């Protein structure tokens, strides 16, 4: 039976007991409303750890003033059942008061320079500050040996890699492959916001990424690849935040060859979707 813990002393007592037994601890940070993509993270962590903790916390510091914090779906009972089936040992279910004892507005904040100023960082100011603030707290609370993160949030993973290395957190990061529906749509808790009509259109994002890869590998200049992608998305009814090709460090590539990642963020109706595809030229 999976254990659910809501108080920090109980969490630390459980983790300390595992550590005394010489067990490796894995962490899967989530905001709840879990799907198969999250459960794949649990299974990945399980391959590298003896015990797995999943945190379920809708983090207010990573939502902007006009974003969907209040309506973000919260399904703790279903989450716990799914986590247990995936092999998770403990659910860390803190309140905002547990996570931010002085309140979210008065919390000590962290910031990663540079990489957080582009793409999603430019469109969602302060978002990544909230991400690194809460992830650093989770690392201090759980003291994991490994932590699993999905590649769908490509920029988020890059930001976390940066701060883990810069602050010498003794945590091994485990990147997990994107889990998709049969039609290519990347799994996301926000997909449920899509209407039936929008759900039919949403896989255009993945088709656009595939087209970007094909075009780039055929020798089309980057500006042309990006313009074609934007036109494809807008033609399907998306409002595009960005559709770009970058190097793996999210900089505009200077070389004609090398590793690349195509990244898209676009709105379909009221729902903002992100996705990416890594490839090599």
C-alpha atoms as a PDB file:
ATOM      1  CA  UNK A   1       0.000   0.000   0.000  1.00  0.00           C
ATOM      2  CA  UNK A   2       1.442   3.338  -1.032  1.00  0.00           C
ATOM      3  CA  UNK A   3       2.066   5.811   1.767  1.00  0.00           C
ATOM      4  CA  UNK A   4       0.943   9.439   1.571  1.00  0.00           C
ATOM      5  CA  UNK A   5       2.780  12.004   3.703  1.00  0.00           C
ATOM      6  CA  UNK A   6       1.679  15.615   4.226  1.00  0.00           C
ATOM      7  CA  UNK A   7       4.137  16.767   6.892  1.00  0.00           C
ATOM      8  CA  UNK A   8       7.838  17.435   6.426  1.00  0.00           C
ATOM      9  CA  UNK A   9       8.970  15.706   9.679  1.00  0.00           C
ATOM     10  CA  UNK A  10       7.245  12.480   8.623  1.00  0.00           C
ATOM     11  CA  UNK A  11       8.776  12.697   5.150  1.00  0.00           C
ATOM     12  CA  UNK A  12      12.271  13.190   6.531  1.00  0.00           C
ATOM     13  CA  UNK A  13      11.830  10.369   9.024  1.00  0.00           C
ATOM     14  CA  UNK A  14      10.826   7.949   6.277  1.00  0.00           C
ATOM     15  CA  UNK A  15      13.645   8.969   3.943  1.00  0.00           C
ATOM     16  CA  UNK A  16      16.193   8.855   6.792  1.00  0.00           C
ATOM     17  CA  UNK A  17      15.114   5.299   7.627  1.00  0.00           C
ATOM     18  CA  UNK A  18      15.630   4.260   4.015  1.00  0.00           C
ATOM     19  CA  UNK A  19      19.042   5.912   3.915  1.00  0.00           C
ATOM     20  CA  UNK A  20      20.106   4.118   7.102  1.00  0.00           C
ATOM     21  CA  UNK A  21      19.323   0.858   5.328  1.00  0.00           C
ATOM     22  CA  UNK A  22      21.635   1.911   2.511  1.00  0.00           C
ATOM     23  CA  UNK A  23      18.787   2.337   0.022  1.00  0.00           C
ATOM     24  CA  UNK A  24      18.913   4.701  -2.955  1.00  0.00           C
ATOM     25  CA  UNK A  25      16.032   7.162  -3.135  1.00  0.00           C
ATOM     26  CA  UNK A  26      14.458   8.480  -6.338  1.00  0.00           C
ATOM     27  CA  UNK A  27      12.250  11.544  -6.730  1.00  0.00           C
ATOM     28  CA  UNK A  28       9.611  12.323  -9.337  1.00  0.00           C
ATOM     29  CA  UNK A  29       8.395  15.932  -8.948  1.00  0.00           C
ATOM     30  CA  UNK A  30       4.875  16.483 -10.314  1.00  0.00           C
ATOM     31  CA  UNK A  31       1.989  18.920 -10.113  1.00  0.00           C
ATOM     32  CA  UNK A  32      -0.528  16.091 -10.007  1.00  0.00           C
ATOM     33  CA  UNK A  33      -3.360  15.235 -12.405  1.00  0.00           C
ATOM     34  CA  UNK A  34      -1.073  12.448 -13.515  1.00  0.00           C
ATOM     35  CA  UNK A  35      -1.017  10.535 -16.783  1.00  0.00           C
ATOM     36  CA  UNK A  36       1.068   7.830 -18.440  1.00  0.00           C
ATOM     37  CA  UNK A  37       3.934  10.262 -19.000  1.00  0.00           C
ATOM     38  CA  UNK A  38       4.289  10.809 -15.261  1.00  0.00           C
ATOM     39  CA  UNK A  39       4.041   7.104 -14.548  1.00  0.00           C
ATOM     40  CA  UNK A  40       6.876   6.469 -17.020  1.00  0.00           C
ATOM     41  CA  UNK A  41       9.009   8.776 -14.858  1.00  0.00           C
ATOM     42  CA  UNK A  42       8.231   6.636 -11.811  1.00  0.00           C
ATOM     43  CA  UNK A  43       9.241   3.512 -13.676  1.00  0.00           C
ATOM     44  CA  UNK A  44      12.467   5.165 -14.828  1.00  0.00           C
ATOM     45  CA  UNK A  45      13.299   6.273 -11.278  1.00  0.00           C
ATOM     46  CA  UNK A  46      12.533   2.757 -10.073  1.00  0.00           C
ATOM     47  CA  UNK A  47      15.237   1.410 -12.400  1.00  0.00           C
ATOM     48  CA  UNK A  48      17.823   3.577 -10.651  1.00  0.00           C
ATOM     49  CA  UNK A  49      16.596   3.611  -7.035  1.00  0.00           C
ATOM     50  CA  UNK A  50      15.357   1.259  -4.328  1.00  0.00           C
ATOM     51  CA  UNK A  51      12.584   3.575  -3.158  1.00  0.00           C
ATOM     52  CA  UNK A  52      10.676   6.200  -5.137  1.00  0.00           C
ATOM     53  CA  UNK A  53       9.003   9.351  -3.816  1.00  0.00           C
ATOM     54  CA  UNK A  54       6.613  11.300  -6.037  1.00  0.00           C
ATOM     55  CA  UNK A  55       5.743  14.828  -4.989  1.00  0.00           C
ATOM     56  CA  UNK A  56       2.307  16.186  -5.899  1.00  0.00           C
ATOM     57  CA  UNK A  57       2.258  19.957  -5.525  1.00  0.00           C
ATOM     58  CA  UNK A  58       0.684  22.628  -7.712  1.00  0.00           C
ATOM     59  CA  UNK A  59       3.375  25.246  -7.319  1.00  0.00           C
ATOM     60  CA  UNK A  60       1.995  28.815  -7.215  1.00  0.00           C
ATOM     61  CA  UNK A  61       5.362  30.484  -7.812  1.00  0.00           C
ATOM     62  CA  UNK A  62       5.660  29.169 -11.376  1.00  0.00           C
ATOM     63  CA  UNK A  63       2.295  30.502 -12.558  1.00  0.00           C
ATOM     64  CA  UNK A  64       1.935  34.011 -13.922  1.00  0.00           C
ATOM     65  CA  UNK A  65      -0.904  36.356 -12.855  1.00  0.00           C
ATOM     66  CA  UNK A  66      -3.080  35.457 -15.862  1.00  0.00           C
ATOM     67  CA  UNK A  67      -2.288  31.741 -15.977  1.00  0.00           C
ATOM     68  CA  UNK A  68      -4.289  28.713 -14.873  1.00  0.00           C
ATOM     69  CA  UNK A  69      -3.185  28.110 -11.256  1.00  0.00           C
ATOM     70  CA  UNK A  70      -6.714  28.191  -9.830  1.00  0.00           C
ATOM     71  CA  UNK A  71      -8.203  25.906 -12.474  1.00  0.00           C
ATOM     72  CA  UNK A  72      -5.241  23.555 -12.752  1.00  0.00           C
ATOM     73  CA  UNK A  73      -6.820  20.099 -12.216  1.00  0.00           C
ATOM     74  CA  UNK A  74      -6.213  18.467  -8.846  1.00  0.00           C
ATOM     75  CA  UNK A  75      -6.920  14.717  -8.568  1.00  0.00           C
ATOM     76  CA  UNK A  76      -5.023  13.400  -5.517  1.00  0.00           C
ATOM     77  CA  UNK A  77      -6.911  10.121  -5.088  1.00  0.00           C
ATOM     78  CA  UNK A  78      -6.516   9.082  -8.717  1.00  0.00           C
ATOM     79  CA  UNK A  79      -2.888  10.232  -8.629  1.00  0.00           C
ATOM     80  CA  UNK A  80      -2.098   8.018  -5.635  1.00  0.00           C
ATOM     81  CA  UNK A  81      -3.708   4.981  -7.257  1.00  0.00           C
ATOM     82  CA  UNK A  82      -1.764   5.496 -10.473  1.00  0.00           C
ATOM     83  CA  UNK A  83       1.500   6.061  -8.642  1.00  0.00           C
ATOM     84  CA  UNK A  84       1.054   2.873  -6.646  1.00  0.00           C
ATOM     85  CA  UNK A  85       0.440   0.883  -9.823  1.00  0.00           C
ATOM     86  CA  UNK A  86       3.580   2.402 -11.358  1.00  0.00           C
ATOM     87  CA  UNK A  87       5.751   1.285  -8.433  1.00  0.00           C
ATOM     88  CA  UNK A  88       5.964   4.440  -6.327  1.00  0.00           C
ATOM     89  CA  UNK A  89       6.529   3.946  -2.582  1.00  0.00           C
ATOM     90  CA  UNK A  90       5.531   7.313  -1.134  1.00  0.00           C
ATOM     91  CA  UNK A  91       3.518  10.363  -2.176  1.00  0.00           C
ATOM     92  CA  UNK A  92       4.774  13.675  -0.789  1.00  0.00           C
ATOM     93  CA  UNK A  93       1.662  15.878  -0.704  1.00  0.00           C
ATOM     94  CA  UNK A  94       2.689  19.166   0.913  1.00  0.00           C
ATOM     95  CA  UNK A  95       0.473  22.192   1.415  1.00  0.00           C
ATOM     96  CA  UNK A  96       1.546  25.638   0.257  1.00  0.00           C
ATOM     97  CA  UNK A  97       2.321  26.380   3.927  1.00  0.00           C
ATOM     98  CA  UNK A  98       4.615  23.355   4.141  1.00  0.00           C
ATOM     99  CA  UNK A  99       6.452  24.328   0.970  1.00  0.00           C
ATOM    100  CA  UNK A 100       6.551  28.088   1.646  1.00  0.00           C
ATOM    101  CA  UNK A 101       6.405  28.672   5.423  1.00  0.00           C
ATOM    102  CA  UNK A 102       6.528  32.464   4.998  1.00  0.00           C
ATOM    103  CA  UNK A 103       4.009  32.387   2.141  1.00  0.00           C
ATOM    104  CA  UNK A 104       4.647  32.165  -1.588  1.00  0.00           C
ATOM    105  CA  UNK A 105       4.948  35.956  -1.925  1.00  0.00           C
ATOM    106  CA  UNK A 106       7.663  36.100   0.749  1.00  0.00           C
ATOM    107  CA  UNK A 107       9.599  33.007  -0.304  1.00  0.00           C
ATOM    108  CA  UNK A 108      13.314  33.016  -0.987  1.00  0.00           C
ATOM    109  CA  UNK A 109      13.523  32.848  -4.776  1.00  0.00           C
ATOM    110  CA  UNK A 110      16.148  31.354  -7.045  1.00  0.00           C
ATOM    111  CA  UNK A 111      17.038  32.361 -10.583  1.00  0.00           C
ATOM    112  CA  UNK A 112      19.096  30.742 -13.318  1.00  0.00           C
ATOM    113  CA  UNK A 113      20.577  33.416 -15.618  1.00  0.00           C
ATOM    114  CA  UNK A 114      20.622  33.401 -19.395  1.00  0.00           C
ATOM    115  CA  UNK A 115      18.821  30.221 -20.344  1.00  0.00           C
ATOM    116  CA  UNK A 116      15.634  31.382 -18.592  1.00  0.00           C
ATOM    117  CA  UNK A 117      15.411  34.592 -20.632  1.00  0.00           C
ATOM    118  CA  UNK A 118      14.525  32.951 -23.963  1.00  0.00           C
ATOM    119  CA  UNK A 119      11.596  30.974 -25.400  1.00  0.00           C
ATOM    120  CA  UNK A 120       9.237  30.049 -22.540  1.00  0.00           C
ATOM    121  CA  UNK A 121      11.196  32.323 -20.222  1.00  0.00           C
ATOM    122  CA  UNK A 122      10.473  35.288 -22.486  1.00  0.00           C
ATOM    123  CA  UNK A 123       6.784  34.401 -22.855  1.00  0.00           C
ATOM    124  CA  UNK A 124       6.246  33.458 -19.188  1.00  0.00           C
ATOM    125  CA  UNK A 125       8.369  35.875 -17.127  1.00  0.00           C
ATOM    126  CA  UNK A 126       9.277  34.438 -13.728  1.00  0.00           C
ATOM    127  CA  UNK A 127       8.078  30.934 -14.610  1.00  0.00           C
ATOM    128  CA  UNK A 128      11.472  29.269 -14.384  1.00  0.00           C
ATOM    129  CA  UNK A 129      12.320  31.171 -11.207  1.00  0.00           C
ATOM    130  CA  UNK A 130       9.348  29.389  -9.671  1.00  0.00           C
ATOM    131  CA  UNK A 131      10.445  26.046 -11.097  1.00  0.00           C
ATOM    132  CA  UNK A 132      13.972  26.161  -9.691  1.00  0.00           C
ATOM    133  CA  UNK A 133      12.667  27.565  -6.408  1.00  0.00           C
ATOM    134  CA  UNK A 134      10.335  24.613  -5.848  1.00  0.00           C
ATOM    135  CA  UNK A 135      12.645  21.920  -7.256  1.00  0.00           C
ATOM    136  CA  UNK A 136      15.500  23.058  -5.018  1.00  0.00           C
ATOM    137  CA  UNK A 137      13.139  22.830  -2.033  1.00  0.00           C
ATOM    138  CA  UNK A 138      12.044  19.350  -3.053  1.00  0.00           C
ATOM    139  CA  UNK A 139      15.680  18.278  -3.335  1.00  0.00           C
ATOM    140  CA  UNK A 140      16.350  19.608   0.176  1.00  0.00           C
ATOM    141  CA  UNK A 141      13.233  17.917   1.553  1.00  0.00           C
ATOM    142  CA  UNK A 142      13.611  14.487  -0.048  1.00  0.00           C
ATOM    143  CA  UNK A 143      17.421  14.345  -0.442  1.00  0.00           C
ATOM    144  CA  UNK A 144      17.098  12.072  -3.484  1.00  0.00           C
ATOM    145  CA  UNK A 145      19.962  10.229  -5.122  1.00  0.00           C
ATOM    146  CA  UNK A 146      18.224  10.447  -8.508  1.00  0.00           C
ATOM    147  CA  UNK A 147      15.378  12.545  -9.903  1.00  0.00           C
ATOM    148  CA  UNK A 148      13.390  11.930 -13.091  1.00  0.00           C
ATOM    149  CA  UNK A 149      12.170  14.683 -15.414  1.00  0.00           C
ATOM    150  CA  UNK A 150      10.446  14.458 -18.797  1.00  0.00           C
ATOM    151  CA  UNK A 151      12.014  15.698 -22.018  1.00  0.00           C
ATOM    152  CA  UNK A 152       8.710  17.304 -23.115  1.00  0.00           C
ATOM    153  CA  UNK A 153       9.608  20.324 -20.966  1.00  0.00           C
ATOM    154  CA  UNK A 154      12.951  20.596 -22.748  1.00  0.00           C
ATOM    155  CA  UNK A 155      13.828  24.060 -21.486  1.00  0.00           C
ATOM    156  CA  UNK A 156      12.803  23.179 -17.938  1.00  0.00           C
ATOM    157  CA  UNK A 157      15.139  20.191 -17.990  1.00  0.00           C
ATOM    158  CA  UNK A 158      17.968  22.395 -19.265  1.00  0.00           C
ATOM    159  CA  UNK A 159      17.335  24.910 -16.481  1.00  0.00           C
ATOM    160  CA  UNK A 160      17.333  22.186 -13.826  1.00  0.00           C
ATOM    161  CA  UNK A 161      20.564  20.710 -15.193  1.00  0.00           C
ATOM    162  CA  UNK A 162      22.157  24.155 -14.937  1.00  0.00           C
ATOM    163  CA  UNK A 163      21.233  24.829 -11.325  1.00  0.00           C
ATOM    164  CA  UNK A 164      22.029  21.273 -10.178  1.00  0.00           C
ATOM    165  CA  UNK A 165      25.538  21.607 -11.597  1.00  0.00           C
ATOM    166  CA  UNK A 166      26.025  25.205 -10.436  1.00  0.00           C
ATOM    167  CA  UNK A 167      24.931  24.500  -6.846  1.00  0.00           C
ATOM    168  CA  UNK A 168      26.531  21.022  -6.717  1.00  0.00           C
ATOM    169  CA  UNK A 169      23.350  19.214  -5.736  1.00  0.00           C
ATOM    170  CA  UNK A 170      24.299  15.535  -5.256  1.00  0.00           C
ATOM    171  CA  UNK A 171      21.434  14.405  -7.488  1.00  0.00           C
ATOM    172  CA  UNK A 172      21.666  12.410 -10.710  1.00  0.00           C
ATOM    173  CA  UNK A 173      19.105  13.664 -13.234  1.00  0.00           C
ATOM    174  CA  UNK A 174      17.232  11.063 -15.291  1.00  0.00           C
ATOM    175  CA  UNK A 175      15.725  12.483 -18.509  1.00  0.00           C
ATOM    176  CA  UNK A 176      12.709  10.497 -19.736  1.00  0.00           C
ATOM    177  CA  UNK A 177      11.481  10.238 -23.320  1.00  0.00           C
ATOM    178  CA  UNK A 178       8.296  12.015 -24.362  1.00  0.00           C
ATOM    179  CA  UNK A 179       5.187   9.830 -24.133  1.00  0.00           C
ATOM    180  CA  UNK A 180       2.714  10.421 -26.965  1.00  0.00           C
ATOM    181  CA  UNK A 181      -0.785   9.481 -27.971  1.00  0.00           C
ATOM    182  CA  UNK A 182      -1.130   7.285 -31.056  1.00  0.00           C
ATOM    183  CA  UNK A 183      -1.605  10.405 -33.216  1.00  0.00           C
ATOM    184  CA  UNK A 184       1.584  11.997 -31.899  1.00  0.00           C
ATOM    185  CA  UNK A 185       0.167  14.461 -29.364  1.00  0.00           C
ATOM    186  CA  UNK A 186       2.505  14.663 -26.368  1.00  0.00           C
ATOM    187  CA  UNK A 187       0.779  13.732 -23.129  1.00  0.00           C
ATOM    188  CA  UNK A 188       0.020  16.716 -20.910  1.00  0.00           C
ATOM    189  CA  UNK A 189      -2.363  17.447 -18.072  1.00  0.00           C
ATOM    190  CA  UNK A 190      -3.494  20.480 -20.064  1.00  0.00           C
ATOM    191  CA  UNK A 191      -4.707  18.333 -22.976  1.00  0.00           C
ATOM    192  CA  UNK A 192      -7.983  17.837 -21.120  1.00  0.00           C
ATOM    193  CA  UNK A 193      -8.720  21.545 -21.606  1.00  0.00           C
ATOM    194  CA  UNK A 194      -9.027  20.910 -25.362  1.00  0.00           C
ATOM    195  CA  UNK A 195     -12.499  20.690 -26.877  1.00  0.00           C
ATOM    196  CA  UNK A 196     -13.273  17.684 -29.072  1.00  0.00           C
ATOM    197  CA  UNK A 197     -12.657  19.799 -32.175  1.00  0.00           C
ATOM    198  CA  UNK A 198      -9.384  21.181 -30.812  1.00  0.00           C
ATOM    199  CA  UNK A 199      -8.204  17.691 -29.863  1.00  0.00           C
ATOM    200  CA  UNK A 200      -8.410  16.696 -33.534  1.00  0.00           C
ATOM    201  CA  UNK A 201      -6.226  19.676 -34.495  1.00  0.00           C
ATOM    202  CA  UNK A 202      -3.707  19.425 -31.632  1.00  0.00           C
ATOM    203  CA  UNK A 203      -1.442  16.724 -33.223  1.00  0.00           C
ATOM    204  CA  UNK A 204      -0.531  19.315 -35.868  1.00  0.00           C
ATOM    205  CA  UNK A 205       2.173  20.356 -33.410  1.00  0.00           C
ATOM    206  CA  UNK A 206       3.930  16.993 -33.684  1.00  0.00           C
ATOM    207  CA  UNK A 207       3.466  16.882 -37.449  1.00  0.00           C
ATOM    208  CA  UNK A 208       5.012  20.339 -37.634  1.00  0.00           C
ATOM    209  CA  UNK A 209       8.014  19.207 -35.604  1.00  0.00           C
ATOM    210  CA  UNK A 210       8.527  16.266 -37.949  1.00  0.00           C
ATOM    211  CA  UNK A 211       8.293  18.630 -40.924  1.00  0.00           C
ATOM    212  CA  UNK A 212      10.840  20.957 -39.313  1.00  0.00           C
ATOM    213  CA  UNK A 213      13.283  18.082 -38.920  1.00  0.00           C
ATOM    214  CA  UNK A 214      12.769  16.919 -42.482  1.00  0.00           C
ATOM    215  CA  UNK A 215      13.172  20.414 -43.894  1.00  0.00           C
ATOM    216  CA  UNK A 216      16.277  21.179 -41.828  1.00  0.00           C
ATOM    217  CA  UNK A 217      17.901  17.878 -42.758  1.00  0.00           C
ATOM    218  CA  UNK A 218      17.142  18.599 -46.430  1.00  0.00           C
ATOM    219  CA  UNK A 219      19.219  21.774 -46.162  1.00  0.00           C
ATOM    220  CA  UNK A 220      16.570  24.465 -45.775  1.00  0.00           C
ATOM    221  CA  UNK A 221      18.012  27.495 -43.936  1.00  0.00           C
ATOM    222  CA  UNK A 222      16.862  27.797 -40.333  1.00  0.00           C
ATOM    223  CA  UNK A 223      14.827  30.952 -40.984  1.00  0.00           C
ATOM    224  CA  UNK A 224      12.929  29.123 -43.704  1.00  0.00           C
ATOM    225  CA  UNK A 225      12.280  26.114 -41.485  1.00  0.00           C
ATOM    226  CA  UNK A 226      10.898  28.346 -38.754  1.00  0.00           C
ATOM    227  CA  UNK A 227       8.743  30.389 -41.150  1.00  0.00           C
ATOM    228  CA  UNK A 228       7.251  27.236 -42.674  1.00  0.00           C
ATOM    229  CA  UNK A 229       6.493  25.864 -39.208  1.00  0.00           C
ATOM    230  CA  UNK A 230       4.761  29.039 -38.084  1.00  0.00           C
ATOM    231  CA  UNK A 231       2.673  29.099 -41.258  1.00  0.00           C
ATOM    232  CA  UNK A 232       1.678  25.445 -40.805  1.00  0.00           C
ATOM    233  CA  UNK A 233       0.574  26.043 -37.216  1.00  0.00           C
ATOM    234  CA  UNK A 234      -1.242  29.295 -37.899  1.00  0.00           C
ATOM    235  CA  UNK A 235      -2.988  27.673 -40.855  1.00  0.00           C
ATOM    236  CA  UNK A 236      -4.356  25.045 -38.470  1.00  0.00           C
ATOM    237  CA  UNK A 237      -5.674  27.701 -36.082  1.00  0.00           C
ATOM    238  CA  UNK A 238      -2.862  28.005 -33.525  1.00  0.00           C
ATOM    239  CA  UNK A 239      -1.604  31.263 -32.051  1.00  0.00           C
ATOM    240  CA  UNK A 240       2.150  30.690 -32.058  1.00  0.00           C
ATOM    241  CA  UNK A 241       4.473  31.834 -29.269  1.00  0.00           C
ATOM    242  CA  UNK A 242       7.491  30.290 -30.989  1.00  0.00           C
ATOM    243  CA  UNK A 243       8.444  27.604 -33.488  1.00  0.00           C
ATOM    244  CA  UNK A 244      12.236  27.520 -33.635  1.00  0.00           C
ATOM    245  CA  UNK A 245      15.314  25.393 -34.190  1.00  0.00           C
ATOM    246  CA  UNK A 246      18.063  25.721 -31.601  1.00  0.00           C
ATOM    247  CA  UNK A 247      21.169  23.853 -30.552  1.00  0.00           C
ATOM    248  CA  UNK A 248      20.920  21.564 -27.543  1.00  0.00           C
ATOM    249  CA  UNK A 249      21.870  24.483 -25.248  1.00  0.00           C
ATOM    250  CA  UNK A 250      18.962  26.516 -26.679  1.00  0.00           C
ATOM    251  CA  UNK A 251      21.239  28.998 -28.451  1.00  0.00           C
ATOM    252  CA  UNK A 252      20.798  29.972 -32.104  1.00  0.00           C
ATOM    253  CA  UNK A 253      23.168  27.568 -33.877  1.00  0.00           C
ATOM    254  CA  UNK A 254      26.173  29.006 -35.657  1.00  0.00           C
ATOM    255  CA  UNK A 255      27.356  25.793 -37.330  1.00  0.00           C
ATOM    256  CA  UNK A 256      25.671  24.147 -40.285  1.00  0.00           C
ATOM    257  CA  UNK A 257      25.961  20.700 -38.723  1.00  0.00           C
ATOM    258  CA  UNK A 258      25.410  19.277 -35.266  1.00  0.00           C
ATOM    259  CA  UNK A 259      22.744  18.402 -32.725  1.00  0.00           C
ATOM    260  CA  UNK A 260      19.515  20.368 -32.897  1.00  0.00           C
ATOM    261  CA  UNK A 261      16.145  20.608 -31.189  1.00  0.00           C
ATOM    262  CA  UNK A 262      12.961  21.960 -32.738  1.00  0.00           C
ATOM    263  CA  UNK A 263      10.695  23.578 -30.146  1.00  0.00           C
ATOM    264  CA  UNK A 264       7.117  24.774 -30.366  1.00  0.00           C
ATOM    265  CA  UNK A 265       4.834  26.613 -27.973  1.00  0.00           C
ATOM    266  CA  UNK A 266       1.415  27.541 -29.314  1.00  0.00           C
ATOM    267  CA  UNK A 267      -2.109  28.192 -28.125  1.00  0.00           C
ATOM    268  CA  UNK A 268      -5.144  26.379 -29.433  1.00  0.00           C
ATOM    269  CA  UNK A 269      -8.192  28.159 -28.099  1.00  0.00           C
ATOM    270  CA  UNK A 270      -7.468  28.747 -24.407  1.00  0.00           C
ATOM    271  CA  UNK A 271      -4.928  25.921 -24.123  1.00  0.00           C
ATOM    272  CA  UNK A 272      -1.177  26.444 -24.410  1.00  0.00           C
ATOM    273  CA  UNK A 273       0.729  23.406 -25.662  1.00  0.00           C
ATOM    274  CA  UNK A 274       4.471  22.787 -25.889  1.00  0.00           C
ATOM    275  CA  UNK A 275       6.480  20.063 -27.613  1.00  0.00           C
ATOM    276  CA  UNK A 276       9.930  19.459 -29.054  1.00  0.00           C
ATOM    277  CA  UNK A 277      11.911  17.071 -31.225  1.00  0.00           C
ATOM    278  CA  UNK A 278      15.650  16.434 -31.053  1.00  0.00           C
ATOM    279  CA  UNK A 279      17.581  15.580 -34.225  1.00  0.00           C
ATOM    280  CA  UNK A 280      20.994  15.862 -35.855  1.00  0.00           C
ATOM    281  CA  UNK A 281      22.123  17.640 -39.020  1.00  0.00           C
END
